[in-house]
Amino acid sequence: MPRWRERVPLESGLKLDINQLIREDVLRPGEHAIWCVSFRSPSGRVYERASTVADMRQGRCPHLKIKHGGCAQDISLCFAHRHFGGKQWYFTCPRTHERVSILWKPPGSPIFASRQFFGRQVAYGSQFETPRDRALSAARDIRRRIGGPDCISCLDPFPQKPKGMHWATYDRLQEQCQQYEGFSLAMAYASVRRLQSRIQK
């Protein structure tokens, strides 16, 4: 890992989201599963894969074994009971031993661990962005959430409401997206005006 003054963005590494893995059937509560997990870029393109063995059977010590890049790692799993029934699953960070939903493997790290373990060696991608870039990224995230990876351009019409989404949620997200895009556009115009004034001088 680099020194903290040379922080790397977390998003340029690999990410394990336990809720996403359960949705994708990689982790199966109550079962033993052998699977292959795919790591995707923000556009949705698969750029790395890892093999996993997960044991979440009742009466066993739940864990996930993952092999990636020639390294194997055993990650403990735990759960908490929800107030209205069911279980909420978590990873146990191999270094801090805290309960977390997401583990990261930043560039240069041989292991997956929590964000807290890496401390100031890493930062979220938004921390490297200008205010205009952060607004544009937020707008793209909303468009991706609603329409998928092919609908992130602010030059395209806003995606149609997906099936199952409430109209109130859709309207709120559309308004937020318009605000982010408006701010980004205003910042771009301001930059152009400053550049024009310098040229005229």
N, C-alpha and C. Protein backbone atom coordinates (compact mmCIF):
# COMPACT_ATOMS: atom_id res chain seq x y z
N MET A 1 0.84 -1.20 0.00
CA MET A 1 0.00 0.00 0.00
C MET A 1 0.87 1.24 0.00
N PRO A 2 0.46 2.33 -0.67
CA PRO A 2 1.24 3.56 -0.68
C PRO A 2 1.16 4.27 0.65
N ARG A 3 2.05 5.23 0.86
CA ARG A 3 1.96 6.05 2.05
C ARG A 3 0.71 6.92 1.98
N TRP A 4 0.25 7.43 3.14
CA TRP A 4 -1.03 8.14 3.15
C TRP A 4 -1.00 9.38 2.30
N ARG A 5 0.16 9.97 2.07
CA ARG A 5 0.22 11.15 1.22
C ARG A 5 0.04 10.80 -0.25
N GLU A 6 0.05 9.51 -0.54
CA GLU A 6 -0.15 9.04 -1.89
C GLU A 6 -1.41 8.18 -1.93
N ARG A 7 -2.47 8.68 -1.34
CA ARG A 7 -3.71 7.91 -1.21
C ARG A 7 -4.24 7.46 -2.57
N VAL A 8 -4.84 6.28 -2.58
CA VAL A 8 -5.44 5.75 -3.80
C VAL A 8 -6.95 5.71 -3.62
N PRO A 9 -7.71 5.87 -4.70
CA PRO A 9 -9.17 5.80 -4.59
C PRO A 9 -9.62 4.36 -4.37
N LEU A 10 -10.53 4.17 -3.41
CA LEU A 10 -11.03 2.83 -3.12
C LEU A 10 -11.67 2.19 -4.35
N GLU A 11 -12.39 3.00 -5.12
CA GLU A 11 -13.14 2.47 -6.25
C GLU A 11 -12.25 1.90 -7.34
N SER A 12 -10.95 2.21 -7.32
CA SER A 12 -10.05 1.65 -8.33
C SER A 12 -9.60 0.24 -7.95
N GLY A 13 -10.00 -0.22 -6.75
CA GLY A 13 -9.70 -1.58 -6.33
C GLY A 13 -10.93 -2.46 -6.45
N LEU A 14 -11.00 -3.49 -5.61
CA LEU A 14 -12.11 -4.44 -5.64
C LEU A 14 -13.00 -4.25 -4.41
N LYS A 15 -14.28 -4.56 -4.57
CA LYS A 15 -15.26 -4.32 -3.53
C LYS A 15 -16.14 -5.56 -3.34
N LEU A 16 -16.30 -5.98 -2.10
CA LEU A 16 -17.23 -7.06 -1.75
C LEU A 16 -18.37 -6.47 -0.94
N ASP A 17 -19.56 -6.50 -1.49
CA ASP A 17 -20.76 -5.99 -0.82
C ASP A 17 -21.61 -7.20 -0.45
N ILE A 18 -21.76 -7.49 0.84
CA ILE A 18 -22.45 -8.72 1.24
C ILE A 18 -23.91 -8.74 0.80
N ASN A 19 -24.57 -7.59 0.80
CA ASN A 19 -25.97 -7.56 0.36
C ASN A 19 -26.09 -7.84 -1.13
N GLN A 20 -25.15 -7.32 -1.91
CA GLN A 20 -25.15 -7.58 -3.34
C GLN A 20 -24.85 -9.06 -3.62
N LEU A 21 -23.90 -9.63 -2.87
CA LEU A 21 -23.56 -11.04 -3.08
C LEU A 21 -24.74 -11.95 -2.76
N ILE A 22 -25.54 -11.59 -1.76
CA ILE A 22 -26.73 -12.38 -1.44
C ILE A 22 -27.77 -12.23 -2.55
N ARG A 23 -27.94 -11.00 -3.06
CA ARG A 23 -28.89 -10.79 -4.17
C ARG A 23 -28.48 -11.57 -5.41
N GLU A 24 -27.16 -11.66 -5.66
CA GLU A 24 -26.66 -12.36 -6.85
C GLU A 24 -26.52 -13.86 -6.62
N ASP A 25 -26.92 -14.36 -5.47
CA ASP A 25 -26.92 -15.79 -5.16
C ASP A 25 -25.52 -16.36 -4.96
N VAL A 26 -24.52 -15.50 -4.80
CA VAL A 26 -23.17 -15.98 -4.49
C VAL A 26 -23.14 -16.49 -3.05
N LEU A 27 -23.77 -15.74 -2.15
CA LEU A 27 -23.94 -16.16 -0.76
C LEU A 27 -25.39 -16.61 -0.59
N ARG A 28 -25.55 -17.79 -0.02
CA ARG A 28 -26.90 -18.35 0.15
C ARG A 28 -27.12 -18.70 1.61
N PRO A 29 -27.79 -17.83 2.36
CA PRO A 29 -28.05 -18.13 3.78
C PRO A 29 -28.70 -19.49 3.95
N GLY A 30 -28.11 -20.29 4.86
CA GLY A 30 -28.63 -21.63 5.12
C GLY A 30 -28.04 -22.70 4.23
N GLU A 31 -27.15 -22.32 3.29
CA GLU A 31 -26.62 -23.29 2.34
C GLU A 31 -25.11 -23.20 2.23
N HIS A 32 -24.54 -24.21 1.57
CA HIS A 32 -23.13 -24.24 1.21
C HIS A 32 -23.06 -24.00 -0.29
N ALA A 33 -22.29 -23.01 -0.74
CA ALA A 33 -22.29 -22.65 -2.15
C ALA A 33 -20.87 -22.43 -2.67
N ILE A 34 -20.63 -22.91 -3.88
CA ILE A 34 -19.38 -22.66 -4.60
C ILE A 34 -19.74 -21.82 -5.82
N TRP A 35 -19.07 -20.68 -5.97
CA TRP A 35 -19.50 -19.72 -6.99
C TRP A 35 -18.31 -18.94 -7.51
N CYS A 36 -18.57 -18.15 -8.51
CA CYS A 36 -17.58 -17.23 -9.06
C CYS A 36 -18.15 -15.82 -8.96
N VAL A 37 -17.43 -14.93 -8.30
CA VAL A 37 -17.90 -13.56 -8.16
C VAL A 37 -17.22 -12.68 -9.20
N SER A 38 -17.99 -11.79 -9.80
CA SER A 38 -17.48 -10.89 -10.84
C SER A 38 -17.36 -9.47 -10.28
N PHE A 39 -16.23 -8.84 -10.53
CA PHE A 39 -16.03 -7.44 -10.16
C PHE A 39 -16.24 -6.60 -11.40
N ARG A 40 -17.09 -5.59 -11.28
CA ARG A 40 -17.48 -4.79 -12.44
C ARG A 40 -17.03 -3.35 -12.30
N SER A 41 -16.77 -2.73 -13.44
CA SER A 41 -16.46 -1.31 -13.48
C SER A 41 -17.76 -0.53 -13.32
N PRO A 42 -17.70 0.80 -13.07
CA PRO A 42 -18.94 1.59 -12.95
C PRO A 42 -19.85 1.47 -14.16
N SER A 43 -19.28 1.19 -15.34
CA SER A 43 -20.10 1.04 -16.54
C SER A 43 -20.77 -0.32 -16.63
N GLY A 44 -20.40 -1.23 -15.71
CA GLY A 44 -21.00 -2.56 -15.73
C GLY A 44 -20.13 -3.63 -16.36
N ARG A 45 -18.96 -3.26 -16.88
CA ARG A 45 -18.08 -4.22 -17.55
C ARG A 45 -17.35 -5.07 -16.52
N VAL A 46 -17.32 -6.40 -16.75
CA VAL A 46 -16.60 -7.31 -15.86
C VAL A 46 -15.10 -7.19 -16.16
N TYR A 47 -14.30 -6.88 -15.13
CA TYR A 47 -12.87 -6.76 -15.36
C TYR A 47 -12.03 -7.72 -14.52
N GLU A 48 -12.64 -8.36 -13.50
CA GLU A 48 -11.92 -9.37 -12.71
C GLU A 48 -12.93 -10.36 -12.17
N ARG A 49 -12.43 -11.59 -11.91
CA ARG A 49 -13.27 -12.61 -11.30
C ARG A 49 -12.50 -13.29 -10.17
N ALA A 50 -13.24 -13.85 -9.23
CA ALA A 50 -12.63 -14.59 -8.14
C ALA A 50 -13.53 -15.77 -7.79
N SER A 51 -12.93 -16.87 -7.38
CA SER A 51 -13.71 -18.04 -6.98
C SER A 51 -14.01 -17.96 -5.48
N THR A 52 -15.20 -18.39 -5.10
CA THR A 52 -15.61 -18.31 -3.70
C THR A 52 -16.24 -19.63 -3.25
N VAL A 53 -16.07 -19.92 -1.97
CA VAL A 53 -16.76 -21.02 -1.31
C VAL A 53 -17.37 -20.43 -0.04
N ALA A 54 -18.69 -20.50 0.08
CA ALA A 54 -19.37 -19.90 1.22
C ALA A 54 -20.16 -20.97 1.97
N ASP A 55 -20.00 -21.02 3.28
CA ASP A 55 -20.75 -21.94 4.12
C ASP A 55 -21.58 -21.13 5.10
N MET A 56 -22.90 -21.11 4.88
CA MET A 56 -23.81 -20.37 5.74
C MET A 56 -24.88 -21.30 6.31
N ARG A 57 -24.51 -22.59 6.45
CA ARG A 57 -25.45 -23.56 6.98
C ARG A 57 -25.66 -23.38 8.49
N GLN A 58 -26.85 -23.66 8.93
CA GLN A 58 -27.18 -23.54 10.35
C GLN A 58 -26.34 -24.50 11.17
N GLY A 59 -25.84 -24.03 12.29
CA GLY A 59 -25.02 -24.85 13.15
C GLY A 59 -23.55 -24.85 12.79
N ARG A 60 -23.18 -24.22 11.68
CA ARG A 60 -21.78 -24.11 11.27
C ARG A 60 -21.27 -22.71 11.60
N CYS A 61 -19.95 -22.55 11.54
CA CYS A 61 -19.36 -21.22 11.69
C CYS A 61 -19.37 -20.56 10.31
N PRO A 62 -20.27 -19.62 10.07
CA PRO A 62 -20.41 -19.08 8.71
C PRO A 62 -19.16 -18.34 8.25
N HIS A 63 -18.75 -18.61 7.02
CA HIS A 63 -17.55 -17.96 6.49
C HIS A 63 -17.57 -17.98 4.97
N LEU A 64 -16.70 -17.17 4.40
CA LEU A 64 -16.52 -17.08 2.95
C LEU A 64 -15.04 -17.24 2.65
N LYS A 65 -14.70 -18.18 1.78
CA LYS A 65 -13.33 -18.33 1.30
C LYS A 65 -13.27 -17.78 -0.12
N ILE A 66 -12.35 -16.85 -0.36
CA ILE A 66 -12.24 -16.24 -1.67
C ILE A 66 -10.81 -16.35 -2.17
N LYS A 67 -10.68 -16.76 -3.44
CA LYS A 67 -9.37 -16.86 -4.09
C LYS A 67 -9.30 -15.83 -5.20
N HIS A 68 -8.26 -14.99 -5.13
CA HIS A 68 -8.10 -13.95 -6.14
C HIS A 68 -6.62 -13.59 -6.24
N GLY A 69 -6.13 -13.55 -7.47
CA GLY A 69 -4.74 -13.13 -7.70
C GLY A 69 -3.71 -14.00 -7.03
N GLY A 70 -3.98 -15.29 -6.93
CA GLY A 70 -3.03 -16.20 -6.31
C GLY A 70 -3.08 -16.22 -4.79
N CYS A 71 -3.94 -15.39 -4.20
CA CYS A 71 -4.06 -15.34 -2.73
C CYS A 71 -5.43 -15.87 -2.32
N ALA A 72 -5.46 -16.60 -1.21
CA ALA A 72 -6.71 -17.10 -0.65
C ALA A 72 -6.95 -16.45 0.70
N GLN A 73 -8.21 -16.10 0.97
CA GLN A 73 -8.54 -15.43 2.22
C GLN A 73 -9.83 -16.01 2.78
N ASP A 74 -9.84 -16.26 4.08
CA ASP A 74 -11.01 -16.78 4.77
C ASP A 74 -11.64 -15.64 5.58
N ILE A 75 -12.88 -15.31 5.28
CA ILE A 75 -13.57 -14.17 5.90
C ILE A 75 -14.77 -14.68 6.70
N SER A 76 -14.80 -14.37 7.98
CA SER A 76 -15.92 -14.79 8.83
C SER A 76 -17.16 -13.96 8.53
N LEU A 77 -18.32 -14.59 8.68
CA LEU A 77 -19.60 -13.93 8.49
C LEU A 77 -20.37 -13.97 9.81
N CYS A 78 -21.24 -12.99 9.99
CA CYS A 78 -22.09 -12.97 11.18
C CYS A 78 -23.43 -12.34 10.80
N PHE A 79 -24.38 -12.39 11.70
CA PHE A 79 -25.68 -11.81 11.39
C PHE A 79 -26.29 -11.19 12.64
N ALA A 80 -27.26 -10.32 12.40
CA ALA A 80 -28.05 -9.73 13.47
C ALA A 80 -29.52 -9.94 13.12
N HIS A 81 -30.34 -10.17 14.13
CA HIS A 81 -31.77 -10.36 13.89
C HIS A 81 -32.42 -9.02 13.61
N ARG A 82 -33.25 -8.98 12.59
CA ARG A 82 -34.01 -7.77 12.29
C ARG A 82 -35.20 -7.65 13.23
N HIS A 83 -35.66 -6.41 13.43
CA HIS A 83 -36.79 -6.17 14.35
C HIS A 83 -38.06 -6.86 13.88
N PHE A 84 -38.24 -6.94 12.56
CA PHE A 84 -39.48 -7.49 12.02
C PHE A 84 -39.28 -8.88 11.43
N GLY A 85 -38.25 -9.58 11.91
CA GLY A 85 -38.00 -10.94 11.46
C GLY A 85 -36.88 -11.02 10.43
N GLY A 86 -36.29 -12.19 10.32
CA GLY A 86 -35.21 -12.38 9.36
C GLY A 86 -33.85 -11.99 9.93
N LYS A 87 -32.83 -12.12 9.11
CA LYS A 87 -31.47 -11.85 9.53
C LYS A 87 -30.80 -10.85 8.59
N GLN A 88 -29.97 -10.01 9.14
CA GLN A 88 -29.13 -9.11 8.36
C GLN A 88 -27.69 -9.62 8.47
N TRP A 89 -27.11 -9.99 7.33
CA TRP A 89 -25.77 -10.58 7.33
C TRP A 89 -24.69 -9.52 7.19
N TYR A 90 -23.53 -9.82 7.77
CA TYR A 90 -22.37 -8.92 7.72
C TYR A 90 -21.08 -9.73 7.55
N PHE A 91 -20.05 -9.05 7.03
CA PHE A 91 -18.69 -9.58 7.11
C PHE A 91 -18.12 -9.20 8.48
N THR A 92 -17.18 -10.01 8.96
CA THR A 92 -16.35 -9.60 10.09
C THR A 92 -15.00 -9.21 9.51
N CYS A 93 -14.63 -7.94 9.61
CA CYS A 93 -13.37 -7.48 9.01
C CYS A 93 -12.21 -8.31 9.55
N PRO A 94 -11.38 -8.88 8.67
CA PRO A 94 -10.27 -9.72 9.13
C PRO A 94 -9.22 -8.98 9.96
N ARG A 95 -9.21 -7.65 9.92
CA ARG A 95 -8.21 -6.87 10.64
C ARG A 95 -8.78 -6.12 11.84
N THR A 96 -9.89 -5.43 11.66
CA THR A 96 -10.47 -4.67 12.78
C THR A 96 -11.45 -5.52 13.60
N HIS A 97 -11.92 -6.64 13.00
CA HIS A 97 -12.88 -7.54 13.63
C HIS A 97 -14.22 -6.86 13.88
N GLU A 98 -14.48 -5.78 13.16
CA GLU A 98 -15.76 -5.10 13.27
C GLU A 98 -16.75 -5.67 12.25
N ARG A 99 -18.02 -5.48 12.53
CA ARG A 99 -19.08 -5.95 11.64
C ARG A 99 -19.31 -4.92 10.54
N VAL A 100 -19.16 -5.31 9.28
CA VAL A 100 -19.30 -4.38 8.16
C VAL A 100 -20.05 -5.05 7.01
N SER A 101 -20.65 -4.24 6.18
CA SER A 101 -21.37 -4.76 5.02
C SER A 101 -20.49 -4.79 3.77
N ILE A 102 -19.39 -4.00 3.77
CA ILE A 102 -18.54 -3.90 2.59
C ILE A 102 -17.09 -4.09 2.98
N LEU A 103 -16.37 -4.87 2.18
CA LEU A 103 -14.93 -5.03 2.31
C LEU A 103 -14.28 -4.55 1.02
N TRP A 104 -13.09 -3.97 1.16
CA TRP A 104 -12.36 -3.40 0.01
C TRP A 104 -11.00 -4.07 -0.15
N LYS A 105 -10.53 -4.12 -1.38
CA LYS A 105 -9.16 -4.55 -1.67
C LYS A 105 -8.55 -3.50 -2.59
N PRO A 106 -7.99 -2.43 -2.02
CA PRO A 106 -7.44 -1.35 -2.85
C PRO A 106 -6.21 -1.82 -3.63
N PRO A 107 -5.83 -1.10 -4.68
CA PRO A 107 -4.61 -1.45 -5.41
C PRO A 107 -3.41 -1.52 -4.47
N GLY A 108 -2.66 -2.61 -4.57
CA GLY A 108 -1.49 -2.79 -3.73
C GLY A 108 -1.74 -3.58 -2.47
N SER A 109 -3.01 -3.82 -2.12
CA SER A 109 -3.32 -4.58 -0.91
C SER A 109 -3.46 -6.06 -1.25
N PRO A 110 -2.91 -6.95 -0.43
CA PRO A 110 -3.06 -8.39 -0.69
C PRO A 110 -4.36 -8.96 -0.12
N ILE A 111 -5.10 -8.17 0.66
CA ILE A 111 -6.28 -8.68 1.36
C ILE A 111 -7.48 -7.76 1.20
N PHE A 112 -8.65 -8.33 1.46
CA PHE A 112 -9.88 -7.55 1.62
C PHE A 112 -10.00 -7.17 3.08
N ALA A 113 -10.38 -5.93 3.35
CA ALA A 113 -10.59 -5.46 4.72
C ALA A 113 -11.54 -4.27 4.67
N SER A 114 -11.92 -3.79 5.84
CA SER A 114 -12.87 -2.67 5.92
C SER A 114 -12.19 -1.35 5.55
N ARG A 115 -13.00 -0.37 5.23
CA ARG A 115 -12.50 0.97 4.93
C ARG A 115 -11.71 1.52 6.12
N GLN A 116 -12.17 1.25 7.32
CA GLN A 116 -11.53 1.79 8.52
C GLN A 116 -10.11 1.25 8.68
N PHE A 117 -9.87 0.01 8.29
CA PHE A 117 -8.53 -0.58 8.44
C PHE A 117 -7.50 0.16 7.60
N PHE A 118 -7.85 0.55 6.39
CA PHE A 118 -6.89 1.18 5.49
C PHE A 118 -6.62 2.65 5.86
N GLY A 119 -7.52 3.22 6.63
CA GLY A 119 -7.29 4.58 7.14
C GLY A 119 -6.99 5.60 6.06
N ARG A 120 -5.92 6.37 6.26
CA ARG A 120 -5.60 7.48 5.36
C ARG A 120 -4.80 7.04 4.14
N GLN A 121 -4.62 5.73 3.98
CA GLN A 121 -3.95 5.24 2.79
C GLN A 121 -4.87 5.28 1.57
N VAL A 122 -6.18 5.37 1.83
CA VAL A 122 -7.16 5.33 0.75
C VAL A 122 -8.15 6.48 0.92
N ALA A 123 -8.91 6.73 -0.14
CA ALA A 123 -9.96 7.74 -0.10
C ALA A 123 -11.01 7.35 -1.12
N TYR A 124 -12.24 7.80 -0.90
CA TYR A 124 -13.27 7.57 -1.89
C TYR A 124 -12.98 8.42 -3.12
N GLY A 125 -13.39 7.93 -4.29
CA GLY A 125 -13.10 8.63 -5.53
C GLY A 125 -13.60 10.07 -5.53
N SER A 126 -14.72 10.32 -4.86
CA SER A 126 -15.27 11.67 -4.85
C SER A 126 -14.33 12.67 -4.16
N GLN A 127 -13.43 12.18 -3.29
CA GLN A 127 -12.51 13.07 -2.60
C GLN A 127 -11.42 13.59 -3.53
N PHE A 128 -11.27 12.96 -4.68
CA PHE A 128 -10.29 13.41 -5.67
C PHE A 128 -10.93 14.32 -6.72
N GLU A 129 -12.24 14.51 -6.63
CA GLU A 129 -12.96 15.25 -7.65
C GLU A 129 -13.18 16.71 -7.26
N THR A 130 -13.36 17.55 -8.27
CA THR A 130 -13.75 18.93 -8.05
C THR A 130 -15.24 18.96 -7.70
N PRO A 131 -15.77 20.07 -7.17
CA PRO A 131 -17.21 20.15 -6.89
C PRO A 131 -18.05 19.86 -8.14
N ARG A 132 -17.60 20.35 -9.30
CA ARG A 132 -18.34 20.09 -10.54
C ARG A 132 -18.35 18.60 -10.87
N ASP A 133 -17.20 17.95 -10.72
CA ASP A 133 -17.11 16.51 -11.01
C ASP A 133 -17.97 15.70 -10.04
N ARG A 134 -18.00 16.11 -8.77
CA ARG A 134 -18.82 15.40 -7.79
C ARG A 134 -20.30 15.50 -8.14
N ALA A 135 -20.72 16.68 -8.57
CA ALA A 135 -22.12 16.85 -8.96
C ALA A 135 -22.46 16.00 -10.16
N LEU A 136 -21.55 15.96 -11.14
CA LEU A 136 -21.78 15.16 -12.34
C LEU A 136 -21.81 13.67 -12.00
N SER A 137 -20.92 13.24 -11.09
CA SER A 137 -20.91 11.83 -10.67
C SER A 137 -22.20 11.46 -9.96
N ALA A 138 -22.70 12.37 -9.12
CA ALA A 138 -23.96 12.11 -8.41
C ALA A 138 -25.12 11.98 -9.39
N ALA A 139 -25.14 12.85 -10.41
CA ALA A 139 -26.20 12.78 -11.42
C ALA A 139 -26.12 11.46 -12.20
N ARG A 140 -24.91 11.05 -12.53
CA ARG A 140 -24.74 9.78 -13.26
C ARG A 140 -25.17 8.60 -12.41
N ASP A 141 -24.89 8.65 -11.11
CA ASP A 141 -25.30 7.57 -10.22
C ASP A 141 -26.82 7.43 -10.20
N ILE A 142 -27.52 8.56 -10.19
CA ILE A 142 -28.99 8.53 -10.20
C ILE A 142 -29.49 7.95 -11.52
N ARG A 143 -28.91 8.42 -12.62
CA ARG A 143 -29.33 7.90 -13.93
C ARG A 143 -29.07 6.41 -14.05
N ARG A 144 -27.91 5.95 -13.51
CA ARG A 144 -27.57 4.52 -13.56
C ARG A 144 -28.54 3.71 -12.70
N ARG A 145 -28.91 4.26 -11.56
CA ARG A 145 -29.84 3.56 -10.67
C ARG A 145 -31.19 3.36 -11.34
N ILE A 146 -31.63 4.33 -12.12
CA ILE A 146 -32.95 4.26 -12.73
C ILE A 146 -32.93 3.53 -14.07
N GLY A 147 -31.95 3.86 -14.91
CA GLY A 147 -31.97 3.33 -16.28
C GLY A 147 -30.88 2.35 -16.62
N GLY A 148 -29.91 2.14 -15.72
CA GLY A 148 -28.82 1.22 -16.03
C GLY A 148 -27.60 1.94 -16.58
N PRO A 149 -26.52 1.18 -16.84
CA PRO A 149 -25.24 1.79 -17.25
C PRO A 149 -25.26 2.48 -18.60
N ASP A 150 -26.27 2.24 -19.43
CA ASP A 150 -26.33 2.87 -20.75
C ASP A 150 -27.07 4.20 -20.74
N CYS A 151 -27.49 4.66 -19.57
CA CYS A 151 -28.32 5.88 -19.49
C CYS A 151 -27.68 6.94 -18.61
N ILE A 152 -26.34 6.99 -18.54
CA ILE A 152 -25.70 7.90 -17.59
C ILE A 152 -25.38 9.27 -18.17
N SER A 153 -25.48 9.43 -19.48
CA SER A 153 -25.11 10.71 -20.10
C SER A 153 -26.18 11.76 -19.83
N CYS A 154 -25.73 12.97 -19.42
CA CYS A 154 -26.69 14.05 -19.18
C CYS A 154 -27.22 14.62 -20.49
N LEU A 155 -26.66 14.20 -21.62
CA LEU A 155 -27.15 14.64 -22.92
C LEU A 155 -28.37 13.84 -23.36
N ASP A 156 -28.58 12.69 -22.72
CA ASP A 156 -29.73 11.85 -23.06
C ASP A 156 -30.95 12.25 -22.24
N PRO A 157 -32.16 11.92 -22.72
CA PRO A 157 -33.36 12.18 -21.91
C PRO A 157 -33.27 11.39 -20.60
N PHE A 158 -33.95 11.91 -19.58
CA PHE A 158 -33.95 11.22 -18.30
C PHE A 158 -34.64 9.87 -18.45
N PRO A 159 -34.07 8.79 -17.87
CA PRO A 159 -34.65 7.44 -18.05
C PRO A 159 -36.09 7.36 -17.54
N GLN A 160 -36.85 6.46 -18.14
CA GLN A 160 -38.23 6.25 -17.70
C GLN A 160 -38.25 5.53 -16.36
N LYS A 161 -39.35 5.68 -15.65
CA LYS A 161 -39.50 5.06 -14.34
C LYS A 161 -39.45 3.54 -14.48
N PRO A 162 -38.55 2.89 -13.72
CA PRO A 162 -38.51 1.43 -13.78
C PRO A 162 -39.70 0.80 -13.07
N LYS A 163 -40.03 -0.39 -13.49
CA LYS A 163 -41.17 -1.10 -12.90
C LYS A 163 -40.90 -1.35 -11.42
N GLY A 164 -41.87 -1.06 -10.59
CA GLY A 164 -41.74 -1.31 -9.16
C GLY A 164 -41.30 -0.10 -8.35
N MET A 165 -40.81 0.95 -9.00
CA MET A 165 -40.40 2.15 -8.28
C MET A 165 -41.61 3.07 -8.09
N HIS A 166 -41.76 3.61 -6.89
CA HIS A 166 -42.86 4.53 -6.61
C HIS A 166 -42.64 5.84 -7.37
N TRP A 167 -43.75 6.46 -7.78
CA TRP A 167 -43.65 7.72 -8.52
C TRP A 167 -43.01 8.81 -7.67
N ALA A 168 -43.29 8.81 -6.38
CA ALA A 168 -42.70 9.83 -5.51
C ALA A 168 -41.18 9.71 -5.48
N THR A 169 -40.68 8.47 -5.44
CA THR A 169 -39.22 8.24 -5.47
C THR A 169 -38.64 8.67 -6.80
N TYR A 170 -39.32 8.29 -7.88
CA TYR A 170 -38.85 8.65 -9.22
C TYR A 170 -38.79 10.16 -9.39
N ASP A 171 -39.84 10.87 -8.97
CA ASP A 171 -39.88 12.34 -9.10
C ASP A 171 -38.78 12.99 -8.26
N ARG A 172 -38.56 12.46 -7.05
CA ARG A 172 -37.51 13.02 -6.18
C ARG A 172 -36.12 12.83 -6.81
N LEU A 173 -35.86 11.65 -7.34
CA LEU A 173 -34.56 11.38 -7.95
C LEU A 173 -34.35 12.22 -9.22
N GLN A 174 -35.42 12.41 -9.99
CA GLN A 174 -35.31 13.23 -11.19
C GLN A 174 -34.99 14.68 -10.82
N GLU A 175 -35.63 15.18 -9.78
CA GLU A 175 -35.37 16.55 -9.34
C GLU A 175 -33.93 16.69 -8.84
N GLN A 176 -33.45 15.70 -8.06
CA GLN A 176 -32.07 15.74 -7.58
C GLN A 176 -31.08 15.71 -8.74
N CYS A 177 -31.36 14.86 -9.71
CA CYS A 177 -30.48 14.75 -10.88
C CYS A 177 -30.42 16.07 -11.63
N GLN A 178 -31.56 16.73 -11.81
CA GLN A 178 -31.59 18.01 -12.50
C GLN A 178 -30.80 19.07 -11.74
N GLN A 179 -30.87 19.03 -10.42
CA GLN A 179 -30.11 19.99 -9.61
C GLN A 179 -28.61 19.76 -9.76
N TYR A 180 -28.18 18.50 -9.69
CA TYR A 180 -26.76 18.18 -9.86
C TYR A 180 -26.26 18.59 -11.25
N GLU A 181 -27.05 18.28 -12.27
CA GLU A 181 -26.64 18.60 -13.64
C GLU A 181 -26.64 20.11 -13.87
N GLY A 182 -27.61 20.80 -13.26
CA GLY A 182 -27.64 22.25 -13.39
C GLY A 182 -26.44 22.90 -12.74
N PHE A 183 -26.06 22.40 -11.56
CA PHE A 183 -24.88 22.93 -10.87
C PHE A 183 -23.63 22.67 -11.69
N SER A 184 -23.51 21.46 -12.23
CA SER A 184 -22.33 21.11 -13.03
C SER A 184 -22.24 21.99 -14.27
N LEU A 185 -23.38 22.24 -14.92
CA LEU A 185 -23.40 23.08 -16.11
C LEU A 185 -23.04 24.52 -15.77
N ALA A 186 -23.55 25.01 -14.64
CA ALA A 186 -23.23 26.38 -14.22
C ALA A 186 -21.74 26.53 -13.94
N MET A 187 -21.14 25.52 -13.31
CA MET A 187 -19.71 25.55 -13.05
C MET A 187 -18.90 25.53 -14.33
N ALA A 188 -19.37 24.76 -15.31
CA ALA A 188 -18.68 24.70 -16.61
C ALA A 188 -18.74 26.05 -17.31
N TYR A 189 -19.92 26.70 -17.29
CA TYR A 189 -20.06 28.02 -17.91
C TYR A 189 -19.15 29.03 -17.21
N ALA A 190 -19.06 28.95 -15.89
CA ALA A 190 -18.21 29.87 -15.14
C ALA A 190 -16.75 29.69 -15.53
N SER A 191 -16.33 28.46 -15.74
CA SER A 191 -14.95 28.19 -16.15
C SER A 191 -14.68 28.76 -17.53
N VAL A 192 -15.66 28.62 -18.43
CA VAL A 192 -15.50 29.17 -19.79
C VAL A 192 -15.40 30.69 -19.75
N ARG A 193 -16.23 31.33 -18.92
CA ARG A 193 -16.20 32.78 -18.82
C ARG A 193 -14.86 33.27 -18.27
N ARG A 194 -14.34 32.57 -17.27
CA ARG A 194 -13.03 32.95 -16.72
C ARG A 194 -11.93 32.81 -17.76
N LEU A 195 -12.01 31.75 -18.54
CA LEU A 195 -11.01 31.53 -19.59
C LEU A 195 -11.11 32.62 -20.66
N GLN A 196 -12.33 33.00 -21.03
CA GLN A 196 -12.52 34.06 -22.03
C GLN A 196 -11.99 35.40 -21.54
N SER A 197 -12.21 35.69 -20.26
CA SER A 197 -11.73 36.96 -19.71
C SER A 197 -10.21 37.01 -19.70
N ARG A 198 -9.57 35.89 -19.44
CA ARG A 198 -8.10 35.84 -19.45
C ARG A 198 -7.57 36.04 -20.86
N ILE A 199 -8.25 35.44 -21.83
CA ILE A 199 -7.82 35.60 -23.23
C ILE A 199 -7.95 37.04 -23.68
N GLN A 200 -9.06 37.68 -23.30
CA GLN A 200 -9.29 39.06 -23.71
C GLN A 200 -8.29 40.03 -23.10
N LYS A 201 -7.76 39.69 -21.93
CA LYS A 201 -6.76 40.54 -21.30
C LYS A 201 -5.43 40.42 -22.03
